[in-house]
N, C-alpha and C. Protein backbone atom coordinates (compact mmCIF):
# COMPACT_ATOMS: atom_id res chain seq x y z
N UNK A 1 4.47 15.85 13.45
CA UNK A 1 5.02 14.50 13.29
C UNK A 1 6.23 14.63 12.44
N UNK A 2 7.37 14.24 13.00
CA UNK A 2 8.60 14.35 12.34
C UNK A 2 9.24 12.92 12.10
N UNK A 3 9.99 12.85 11.05
CA UNK A 3 10.76 11.61 10.78
C UNK A 3 11.83 11.52 11.88
N UNK A 4 12.26 10.29 12.16
CA UNK A 4 13.16 10.11 13.29
C UNK A 4 14.54 10.89 13.12
N UNK A 5 14.94 11.00 11.90
CA UNK A 5 16.22 11.63 11.69
C UNK A 5 16.11 12.44 10.45
N UNK A 6 16.46 13.76 10.54
CA UNK A 6 16.34 14.62 9.41
C UNK A 6 17.53 14.39 8.47
N UNK A 7 18.51 13.63 8.88
CA UNK A 7 19.77 13.47 8.11
C UNK A 7 19.57 12.25 7.17
N UNK A 8 18.63 11.43 7.29
CA UNK A 8 18.49 10.32 6.42
C UNK A 8 17.05 10.09 6.10
N UNK A 9 16.76 9.50 4.93
CA UNK A 9 15.32 9.22 4.55
C UNK A 9 14.73 8.24 5.44
N UNK A 10 13.39 8.25 5.53
CA UNK A 10 12.66 7.22 6.24
C UNK A 10 12.21 6.14 5.30
N UNK A 11 11.97 4.98 5.91
CA UNK A 11 11.48 3.80 5.11
C UNK A 11 9.97 3.68 5.26
N UNK A 12 9.34 3.63 4.12
CA UNK A 12 7.85 3.56 4.09
C UNK A 12 7.41 2.43 3.21
N UNK A 13 6.31 1.77 3.50
CA UNK A 13 5.72 0.79 2.65
C UNK A 13 4.36 1.24 2.20
N UNK A 14 4.11 1.17 0.95
CA UNK A 14 2.88 1.67 0.32
C UNK A 14 2.14 0.49 -0.32
N UNK A 15 0.82 0.36 0.01
CA UNK A 15 -0.03 -0.58 -0.69
C UNK A 15 -0.61 0.05 -1.98
N UNK A 16 -0.66 -0.73 -3.02
CA UNK A 16 -1.17 -0.27 -4.26
C UNK A 16 -2.32 -1.24 -4.70
N UNK A 17 -3.40 -0.68 -5.26
CA UNK A 17 -4.48 -1.54 -5.70
C UNK A 17 -5.28 -0.84 -6.76
N UNK A 18 -5.88 -1.66 -7.66
CA UNK A 18 -6.73 -1.15 -8.69
C UNK A 18 -7.67 -2.23 -9.20
N UNK A 19 -8.89 -1.82 -9.48
CA UNK A 19 -9.81 -2.79 -10.11
C UNK A 19 -10.70 -2.20 -11.20
N UNK A 20 -10.33 -0.99 -11.67
CA UNK A 20 -10.99 -0.41 -12.77
C UNK A 20 -10.03 -0.08 -13.93
N UNK A 21 -10.52 -0.17 -15.14
CA UNK A 21 -9.63 0.03 -16.25
C UNK A 21 -8.64 -1.12 -16.41
N UNK A 22 -7.49 -0.75 -16.92
CA UNK A 22 -6.41 -1.76 -17.09
C UNK A 22 -5.63 -1.74 -15.75
N UNK A 23 -6.14 -2.50 -14.80
CA UNK A 23 -5.57 -2.51 -13.40
C UNK A 23 -4.11 -2.85 -13.34
N UNK A 24 -3.68 -3.76 -14.11
CA UNK A 24 -2.27 -4.12 -14.12
C UNK A 24 -1.40 -2.94 -14.49
N UNK A 25 -1.81 -2.29 -15.52
CA UNK A 25 -1.12 -1.11 -16.10
C UNK A 25 -1.14 0.09 -15.10
N UNK A 26 -2.27 0.28 -14.45
CA UNK A 26 -2.42 1.31 -13.38
C UNK A 26 -1.44 1.08 -12.29
N UNK A 27 -1.31 -0.17 -11.79
CA UNK A 27 -0.32 -0.44 -10.65
C UNK A 27 1.13 -0.26 -11.17
N UNK A 28 1.42 -0.72 -12.32
CA UNK A 28 2.75 -0.66 -12.89
C UNK A 28 3.15 0.82 -13.05
N UNK A 29 2.24 1.63 -13.57
CA UNK A 29 2.50 3.07 -13.69
C UNK A 29 2.63 3.75 -12.32
N UNK A 30 1.87 3.29 -11.34
CA UNK A 30 1.95 3.86 -10.03
C UNK A 30 3.34 3.52 -9.38
N UNK A 31 3.87 2.33 -9.65
CA UNK A 31 5.23 2.01 -9.17
C UNK A 31 6.24 3.10 -9.64
N UNK A 32 6.15 3.40 -10.97
CA UNK A 32 7.06 4.43 -11.55
C UNK A 32 6.82 5.78 -10.89
N UNK A 33 5.50 6.08 -10.75
CA UNK A 33 5.19 7.43 -10.13
C UNK A 33 5.68 7.56 -8.69
N UNK A 34 5.62 6.45 -7.91
CA UNK A 34 6.13 6.52 -6.59
C UNK A 34 7.61 6.84 -6.57
N UNK A 35 8.38 6.18 -7.42
CA UNK A 35 9.80 6.41 -7.47
C UNK A 35 10.18 7.81 -7.99
N UNK A 36 9.20 8.47 -8.65
CA UNK A 36 9.45 9.81 -9.11
C UNK A 36 8.95 10.93 -8.18
N UNK A 37 8.38 10.56 -7.06
CA UNK A 37 7.95 11.57 -6.12
C UNK A 37 9.15 12.35 -5.64
N UNK A 38 8.98 13.66 -5.24
CA UNK A 38 10.06 14.41 -4.65
C UNK A 38 10.69 13.79 -3.39
N UNK A 39 12.01 13.78 -3.29
CA UNK A 39 12.69 13.35 -2.07
C UNK A 39 12.39 11.89 -1.75
N UNK A 40 12.05 11.08 -2.81
CA UNK A 40 11.63 9.68 -2.64
C UNK A 40 12.37 8.77 -3.65
N UNK A 41 12.73 7.61 -3.16
CA UNK A 41 13.40 6.62 -4.05
C UNK A 41 12.75 5.27 -3.79
N UNK A 42 12.45 4.64 -4.97
CA UNK A 42 11.83 3.28 -4.84
C UNK A 42 13.02 2.28 -4.46
N UNK A 43 12.74 1.47 -3.43
CA UNK A 43 13.73 0.56 -2.93
C UNK A 43 13.32 -0.92 -3.43
N UNK A 44 12.07 -1.24 -3.31
CA UNK A 44 11.67 -2.59 -3.72
C UNK A 44 10.17 -2.55 -4.06
N UNK A 45 9.79 -3.47 -4.87
CA UNK A 45 8.41 -3.59 -5.22
C UNK A 45 8.05 -5.10 -5.25
N UNK A 46 6.86 -5.43 -4.85
CA UNK A 46 6.44 -6.85 -4.86
C UNK A 46 5.97 -7.22 -6.21
N UNK A 47 5.66 -8.45 -6.34
CA UNK A 47 4.92 -8.95 -7.51
C UNK A 47 3.54 -8.39 -7.46
N UNK A 48 2.81 -8.62 -8.54
CA UNK A 48 1.42 -8.24 -8.64
C UNK A 48 0.51 -9.45 -8.25
N UNK A 49 -0.56 -9.15 -7.51
CA UNK A 49 -1.42 -10.23 -7.10
C UNK A 49 -2.87 -9.90 -7.42
N UNK A 50 -3.52 -10.93 -7.92
CA UNK A 50 -4.97 -10.87 -8.24
C UNK A 50 -5.73 -11.21 -6.97
N UNK A 51 -6.65 -10.40 -6.57
CA UNK A 51 -7.29 -10.59 -5.24
C UNK A 51 -8.82 -10.31 -5.34
N UNK A 52 -9.58 -10.99 -4.63
CA UNK A 52 -11.00 -10.80 -4.51
C UNK A 52 -11.22 -9.51 -3.66
N UNK A 53 -12.31 -8.84 -3.91
CA UNK A 53 -12.61 -7.61 -3.06
C UNK A 53 -12.88 -8.05 -1.63
N UNK A 54 -12.70 -7.14 -0.73
CA UNK A 54 -12.98 -7.30 0.66
C UNK A 54 -13.90 -6.18 1.11
N UNK A 55 -14.90 -6.50 1.95
CA UNK A 55 -15.85 -5.42 2.29
C UNK A 55 -16.98 -5.31 1.32
N UNK A 56 -16.89 -4.37 0.40
CA UNK A 56 -17.89 -4.17 -0.67
C UNK A 56 -17.55 -5.24 -1.72
N UNK A 57 -18.36 -6.28 -1.79
CA UNK A 57 -17.99 -7.42 -2.66
C UNK A 57 -18.47 -7.35 -4.10
N UNK A 58 -19.48 -6.51 -4.39
CA UNK A 58 -20.07 -6.39 -5.69
C UNK A 58 -19.23 -5.46 -6.59
N UNK A 59 -18.08 -5.90 -6.92
CA UNK A 59 -17.12 -5.13 -7.77
C UNK A 59 -16.12 -6.12 -8.34
N UNK A 60 -15.37 -5.63 -9.32
CA UNK A 60 -14.33 -6.48 -10.01
C UNK A 60 -13.23 -6.87 -9.09
N UNK A 61 -12.46 -7.92 -9.40
CA UNK A 61 -11.29 -8.31 -8.69
C UNK A 61 -10.23 -7.23 -8.84
N UNK A 62 -9.28 -7.24 -7.92
CA UNK A 62 -8.21 -6.25 -7.82
C UNK A 62 -6.87 -6.81 -8.28
N UNK A 63 -6.04 -5.88 -8.74
CA UNK A 63 -4.54 -6.19 -8.79
C UNK A 63 -3.98 -5.36 -7.63
N UNK A 64 -3.21 -6.04 -6.78
CA UNK A 64 -2.62 -5.44 -5.60
C UNK A 64 -1.12 -5.67 -5.62
N UNK A 65 -0.41 -4.82 -4.87
CA UNK A 65 1.02 -4.91 -4.72
C UNK A 65 1.43 -4.04 -3.56
N UNK A 66 2.74 -4.09 -3.19
CA UNK A 66 3.27 -3.29 -2.13
C UNK A 66 4.68 -2.78 -2.67
N UNK A 67 4.92 -1.49 -2.34
CA UNK A 67 6.20 -0.88 -2.72
C UNK A 67 6.90 -0.44 -1.39
N UNK A 68 8.26 -0.54 -1.38
CA UNK A 68 9.00 -0.02 -0.31
C UNK A 68 9.72 1.27 -0.92
N UNK A 69 9.67 2.37 -0.17
CA UNK A 69 10.32 3.53 -0.58
C UNK A 69 11.13 4.14 0.51
N UNK A 70 12.15 4.86 0.11
CA UNK A 70 12.86 5.74 1.12
C UNK A 70 12.51 7.16 0.79
N UNK A 71 12.07 7.83 1.77
CA UNK A 71 11.52 9.23 1.50
C UNK A 71 11.95 10.18 2.59
N UNK A 72 12.17 11.46 2.24
CA UNK A 72 12.40 12.48 3.17
C UNK A 72 11.14 13.31 3.39
N UNK A 73 10.01 12.89 2.67
CA UNK A 73 8.77 13.48 2.90
C UNK A 73 8.20 13.04 4.34
N UNK A 74 7.61 14.03 4.99
CA UNK A 74 7.02 13.66 6.29
C UNK A 74 5.71 12.87 5.94
N UNK A 75 5.16 12.14 6.94
CA UNK A 75 4.03 11.29 6.60
C UNK A 75 2.86 11.97 5.92
N UNK A 76 2.45 13.11 6.43
CA UNK A 76 1.34 13.85 5.85
C UNK A 76 1.63 14.33 4.39
N UNK A 77 2.84 14.75 4.16
CA UNK A 77 3.28 15.11 2.90
C UNK A 77 3.25 13.96 1.86
N UNK A 78 3.68 12.79 2.44
CA UNK A 78 3.70 11.58 1.54
C UNK A 78 2.21 11.19 1.29
N UNK A 79 1.40 11.31 2.22
CA UNK A 79 -0.06 10.96 2.05
C UNK A 79 -0.68 11.92 0.98
N UNK A 80 -0.31 13.19 1.12
CA UNK A 80 -0.88 14.18 0.11
C UNK A 80 -0.40 13.83 -1.25
N UNK A 81 0.91 13.46 -1.38
CA UNK A 81 1.42 13.10 -2.72
C UNK A 81 0.76 11.86 -3.27
N UNK A 82 0.49 10.83 -2.35
CA UNK A 82 -0.32 9.64 -2.80
C UNK A 82 -1.68 10.00 -3.30
N UNK A 83 -2.37 10.87 -2.53
CA UNK A 83 -3.76 11.26 -2.89
C UNK A 83 -3.73 11.98 -4.29
N UNK A 84 -2.70 12.74 -4.50
CA UNK A 84 -2.55 13.48 -5.78
C UNK A 84 -2.37 12.50 -6.89
N UNK A 85 -1.54 11.42 -6.64
CA UNK A 85 -1.33 10.35 -7.68
C UNK A 85 -2.67 9.63 -7.99
N UNK A 86 -3.40 9.34 -6.92
CA UNK A 86 -4.72 8.65 -7.13
C UNK A 86 -5.58 9.58 -8.05
N UNK A 87 -5.60 10.85 -7.72
CA UNK A 87 -6.33 11.82 -8.52
C UNK A 87 -5.94 11.85 -10.00
N UNK A 88 -4.62 11.90 -10.19
CA UNK A 88 -4.09 11.83 -11.55
C UNK A 88 -4.48 10.62 -12.33
N UNK A 89 -4.73 9.53 -11.57
CA UNK A 89 -5.07 8.29 -12.23
C UNK A 89 -6.62 8.13 -12.32
N UNK A 90 -7.41 9.24 -12.00
CA UNK A 90 -8.82 9.16 -12.13
C UNK A 90 -9.58 8.61 -10.99
N UNK A 91 -8.95 8.53 -9.83
CA UNK A 91 -9.72 7.98 -8.61
C UNK A 91 -10.83 8.90 -8.22
N UNK A 92 -11.98 8.25 -8.11
CA UNK A 92 -13.19 8.93 -7.64
C UNK A 92 -13.68 8.22 -6.38
N UNK A 93 -13.95 8.97 -5.32
CA UNK A 93 -14.33 8.33 -4.06
C UNK A 93 -15.85 8.61 -3.89
N UNK A 94 -16.67 7.79 -4.54
CA UNK A 94 -18.13 8.01 -4.43
C UNK A 94 -18.77 6.82 -3.68
N UNK A 95 -18.08 5.66 -3.58
CA UNK A 95 -18.63 4.49 -2.87
C UNK A 95 -17.52 3.99 -1.91
N UNK A 96 -17.82 4.05 -0.62
CA UNK A 96 -16.83 3.56 0.38
C UNK A 96 -16.37 2.17 0.05
N UNK A 97 -15.10 1.94 -0.08
CA UNK A 97 -14.46 0.73 -0.47
C UNK A 97 -14.89 0.15 -1.80
N UNK A 98 -15.39 1.11 -2.62
CA UNK A 98 -15.90 0.64 -3.93
C UNK A 98 -14.78 0.58 -4.97
N UNK A 99 -15.16 0.31 -6.20
CA UNK A 99 -14.22 0.19 -7.24
C UNK A 99 -13.32 1.44 -7.43
N UNK A 100 -12.13 1.28 -7.85
CA UNK A 100 -11.22 2.36 -8.01
C UNK A 100 -10.11 2.12 -9.09
N UNK A 101 -9.72 3.20 -9.71
CA UNK A 101 -8.66 3.10 -10.74
C UNK A 101 -7.33 2.91 -10.02
N UNK A 102 -7.19 3.60 -8.83
CA UNK A 102 -5.88 3.43 -8.13
C UNK A 102 -6.16 3.77 -6.64
N UNK A 103 -5.66 2.92 -5.79
CA UNK A 103 -5.71 3.11 -4.37
C UNK A 103 -4.25 2.95 -3.79
N UNK A 104 -3.81 3.94 -3.10
CA UNK A 104 -2.54 4.08 -2.48
C UNK A 104 -2.59 4.28 -0.99
N UNK A 105 -2.16 3.43 -0.18
CA UNK A 105 -2.17 3.53 1.25
C UNK A 105 -0.82 3.44 1.92
N UNK A 106 -0.48 4.29 2.84
CA UNK A 106 0.74 4.10 3.68
C UNK A 106 0.46 3.04 4.63
N UNK A 107 1.23 1.94 4.57
CA UNK A 107 1.05 0.81 5.56
C UNK A 107 1.96 1.09 6.77
N UNK A 108 3.19 1.35 6.52
CA UNK A 108 4.22 1.57 7.63
C UNK A 108 5.07 2.78 7.21
N UNK A 109 5.51 3.50 8.20
CA UNK A 109 6.41 4.63 7.94
C UNK A 109 7.42 4.58 9.11
N UNK A 110 8.60 4.07 8.80
CA UNK A 110 9.64 3.79 9.80
C UNK A 110 8.91 3.09 11.00
N UNK A 111 9.24 3.42 12.18
CA UNK A 111 8.58 2.81 13.32
C UNK A 111 7.46 3.66 13.96
N UNK A 112 6.89 4.57 13.12
CA UNK A 112 5.98 5.54 13.65
C UNK A 112 4.61 4.98 13.95
N UNK A 113 4.07 5.37 15.04
CA UNK A 113 2.67 5.03 15.39
C UNK A 113 2.00 6.44 15.54
N UNK A 114 0.87 6.55 14.91
CA UNK A 114 0.09 7.78 15.04
C UNK A 114 -1.34 7.51 14.73
N UNK A 115 -2.24 8.33 15.22
CA UNK A 115 -3.64 8.26 14.88
C UNK A 115 -4.09 9.75 14.85
N UNK A 116 -4.09 10.28 13.62
CA UNK A 116 -4.45 11.62 13.38
C UNK A 116 -5.53 11.73 12.32
N UNK A 117 -6.16 12.83 12.18
CA UNK A 117 -7.18 12.97 11.12
C UNK A 117 -6.55 12.62 9.68
N UNK A 118 -7.18 11.63 9.14
CA UNK A 118 -6.74 11.19 7.82
C UNK A 118 -5.58 10.25 7.80
N UNK A 119 -4.89 9.99 8.86
CA UNK A 119 -3.70 9.18 8.85
C UNK A 119 -3.51 8.38 10.09
N UNK A 120 -3.52 7.07 9.99
CA UNK A 120 -3.28 6.14 11.07
C UNK A 120 -2.15 5.25 10.68
N UNK A 121 -1.14 5.16 11.47
CA UNK A 121 0.11 4.30 11.19
C UNK A 121 0.37 3.51 12.47
N UNK A 122 0.70 2.24 12.24
CA UNK A 122 0.61 1.46 11.01
C UNK A 122 -0.88 1.46 10.53
N UNK A 123 -1.11 1.10 9.25
CA UNK A 123 -2.41 1.03 8.66
C UNK A 123 -3.29 0.15 9.62
N UNK A 124 -4.44 0.56 9.96
CA UNK A 124 -5.23 -0.12 11.01
C UNK A 124 -5.77 -1.45 10.60
N UNK A 125 -5.85 -1.80 9.35
CA UNK A 125 -6.48 -3.08 8.93
C UNK A 125 -5.51 -3.96 8.13
N UNK A 126 -4.27 -3.50 8.11
CA UNK A 126 -3.28 -4.29 7.21
C UNK A 126 -3.11 -5.71 7.72
N UNK A 127 -3.19 -5.96 8.95
CA UNK A 127 -2.96 -7.31 9.51
C UNK A 127 -4.18 -8.28 9.21
N UNK A 128 -5.25 -7.75 8.63
CA UNK A 128 -6.46 -8.54 8.34
C UNK A 128 -6.56 -8.91 6.83
N UNK A 129 -5.61 -8.35 5.99
CA UNK A 129 -5.83 -8.46 4.58
C UNK A 129 -4.70 -9.18 3.87
N UNK A 130 -5.03 -10.33 3.25
CA UNK A 130 -4.00 -11.07 2.54
C UNK A 130 -3.50 -10.24 1.39
N UNK A 131 -4.28 -9.36 0.76
CA UNK A 131 -3.81 -8.54 -0.36
C UNK A 131 -2.80 -7.52 0.03
N UNK A 132 -2.64 -7.30 1.33
CA UNK A 132 -1.57 -6.40 1.86
C UNK A 132 -0.43 -7.32 2.37
N UNK A 133 -0.78 -8.26 3.17
CA UNK A 133 0.24 -9.10 3.82
C UNK A 133 1.12 -9.93 2.88
N UNK A 134 0.55 -10.55 1.91
CA UNK A 134 1.30 -11.47 0.95
C UNK A 134 2.37 -10.61 0.23
N UNK A 135 1.95 -9.52 -0.47
CA UNK A 135 3.03 -8.76 -1.14
C UNK A 135 4.02 -8.03 -0.17
N UNK A 136 3.53 -7.63 0.97
CA UNK A 136 4.40 -6.99 1.92
C UNK A 136 5.47 -8.04 2.41
N UNK A 137 5.03 -9.24 2.76
CA UNK A 137 5.99 -10.25 3.25
C UNK A 137 6.93 -10.72 2.13
N UNK A 138 6.50 -10.59 0.89
CA UNK A 138 7.44 -10.96 -0.21
C UNK A 138 8.73 -10.00 -0.18
N UNK A 139 8.47 -8.75 0.10
CA UNK A 139 9.63 -7.78 -0.02
C UNK A 139 10.15 -7.44 1.38
N UNK A 140 9.46 -7.85 2.45
CA UNK A 140 9.89 -7.53 3.84
C UNK A 140 9.43 -8.64 4.72
N UNK A 141 10.06 -9.86 4.54
CA UNK A 141 9.66 -11.05 5.29
C UNK A 141 9.68 -10.93 6.82
N UNK A 142 10.64 -10.09 7.32
CA UNK A 142 10.78 -9.87 8.76
C UNK A 142 9.87 -8.82 9.32
N UNK A 143 8.89 -8.32 8.55
CA UNK A 143 7.99 -7.17 8.94
C UNK A 143 7.38 -7.44 10.33
N UNK A 144 7.51 -6.46 11.16
CA UNK A 144 6.87 -6.38 12.46
C UNK A 144 5.94 -5.17 12.47
N UNK A 145 4.64 -5.48 12.71
CA UNK A 145 3.65 -4.42 12.81
C UNK A 145 3.55 -3.96 14.21
N UNK A 146 3.99 -2.69 14.48
CA UNK A 146 4.03 -2.12 15.79
C UNK A 146 2.61 -2.23 16.38
N UNK A 147 2.50 -2.68 17.63
CA UNK A 147 1.29 -2.79 18.31
C UNK A 147 0.46 -4.07 17.95
N UNK A 148 1.00 -4.87 17.05
CA UNK A 148 0.35 -6.11 16.60
C UNK A 148 1.24 -7.30 16.72
N UNK A 149 2.39 -7.27 16.07
CA UNK A 149 3.32 -8.44 16.03
C UNK A 149 3.83 -8.67 14.65
N UNK A 150 4.46 -9.86 14.55
CA UNK A 150 4.98 -10.27 13.25
C UNK A 150 3.89 -10.36 12.18
N UNK A 151 4.16 -9.74 11.07
CA UNK A 151 3.13 -9.77 10.01
C UNK A 151 2.84 -11.17 9.53
N UNK A 152 3.85 -12.00 9.51
CA UNK A 152 3.70 -13.38 9.03
C UNK A 152 2.69 -14.19 9.83
N UNK A 153 2.51 -13.86 11.13
CA UNK A 153 1.64 -14.59 12.00
C UNK A 153 0.12 -14.33 11.55
N UNK A 154 -0.10 -13.17 10.94
CA UNK A 154 -1.43 -12.81 10.53
C UNK A 154 -1.81 -13.38 9.24
N UNK A 155 -0.89 -13.78 8.41
CA UNK A 155 -1.17 -14.34 7.08
C UNK A 155 -2.01 -15.58 7.31
N UNK A 156 -1.71 -16.41 8.34
CA UNK A 156 -2.53 -17.61 8.55
C UNK A 156 -3.98 -17.33 8.74
N UNK A 157 -4.23 -16.23 9.38
CA UNK A 157 -5.67 -15.83 9.57
C UNK A 157 -6.44 -15.37 8.32
N UNK A 158 -5.69 -15.20 7.24
CA UNK A 158 -6.19 -14.76 6.02
C UNK A 158 -6.34 -15.85 4.98
N UNK A 159 -6.18 -17.08 5.34
CA UNK A 159 -6.17 -18.17 4.43
C UNK A 159 -7.43 -18.24 3.58
N UNK A 160 -8.54 -17.82 4.01
CA UNK A 160 -9.77 -17.90 3.27
C UNK A 160 -9.87 -16.80 2.15
N UNK A 161 -9.03 -15.86 2.23
CA UNK A 161 -9.01 -14.77 1.28
C UNK A 161 -8.30 -15.18 -0.04
N UNK A 162 -8.98 -14.98 -1.16
CA UNK A 162 -8.42 -15.37 -2.45
C UNK A 162 -7.28 -14.47 -2.86
N UNK A 163 -6.11 -15.03 -3.18
CA UNK A 163 -4.98 -14.22 -3.73
C UNK A 163 -4.15 -15.12 -4.59
N UNK A 164 -3.74 -14.55 -5.76
CA UNK A 164 -2.98 -15.29 -6.69
C UNK A 164 -1.96 -14.40 -7.34
N UNK A 165 -0.70 -14.81 -7.36
CA UNK A 165 0.38 -14.02 -7.94
C UNK A 165 0.20 -14.04 -9.46
N UNK A 166 0.40 -12.86 -10.10
CA UNK A 166 0.30 -12.79 -11.56
C UNK A 166 1.60 -12.27 -12.13
N UNK A 167 1.87 -12.50 -13.36
CA UNK A 167 3.01 -11.91 -14.04
C UNK A 167 2.74 -10.42 -14.29
N UNK A 168 3.78 -9.64 -14.30
CA UNK A 168 3.49 -8.20 -14.56
C UNK A 168 4.12 -7.79 -15.88
N UNK A 169 4.33 -8.71 -16.81
CA UNK A 169 4.74 -8.29 -18.15
C UNK A 169 3.69 -8.59 -19.22
């Protein structure tokens, strides 16, 4: 899987989430860490959002956000870097969709579509989640999810999901 052009960085959007420890601080530190990845530059970051858990409900609320980066890392290398950042922040994967100190997911990587072991692009459930769509649309209002449609059209389907913008200072 190769980026479309080796002469320029690719545009990727990363979802960030945390609901253990000081979640706000975890996400803010993760923004900095994303911008410090090799061959990667932070382009934009959303506000922070307080959101109710989805799926496994018996857990604390989340702080969620989305970052836009330009990167020369290929998708699997970017994923590996994100998994290492999660590990550095104490992420333990013992309960599926359970509480976590830091969760980082690649939502979009240029116009790439793929379904490989460990990596599906665009993220397969992003269109169902207000905690992804709201911050994504804040920094990328014209977002089009390949194979699905305009991201904004899916936000209406997420009206019942609790989400509240919070200050990040």
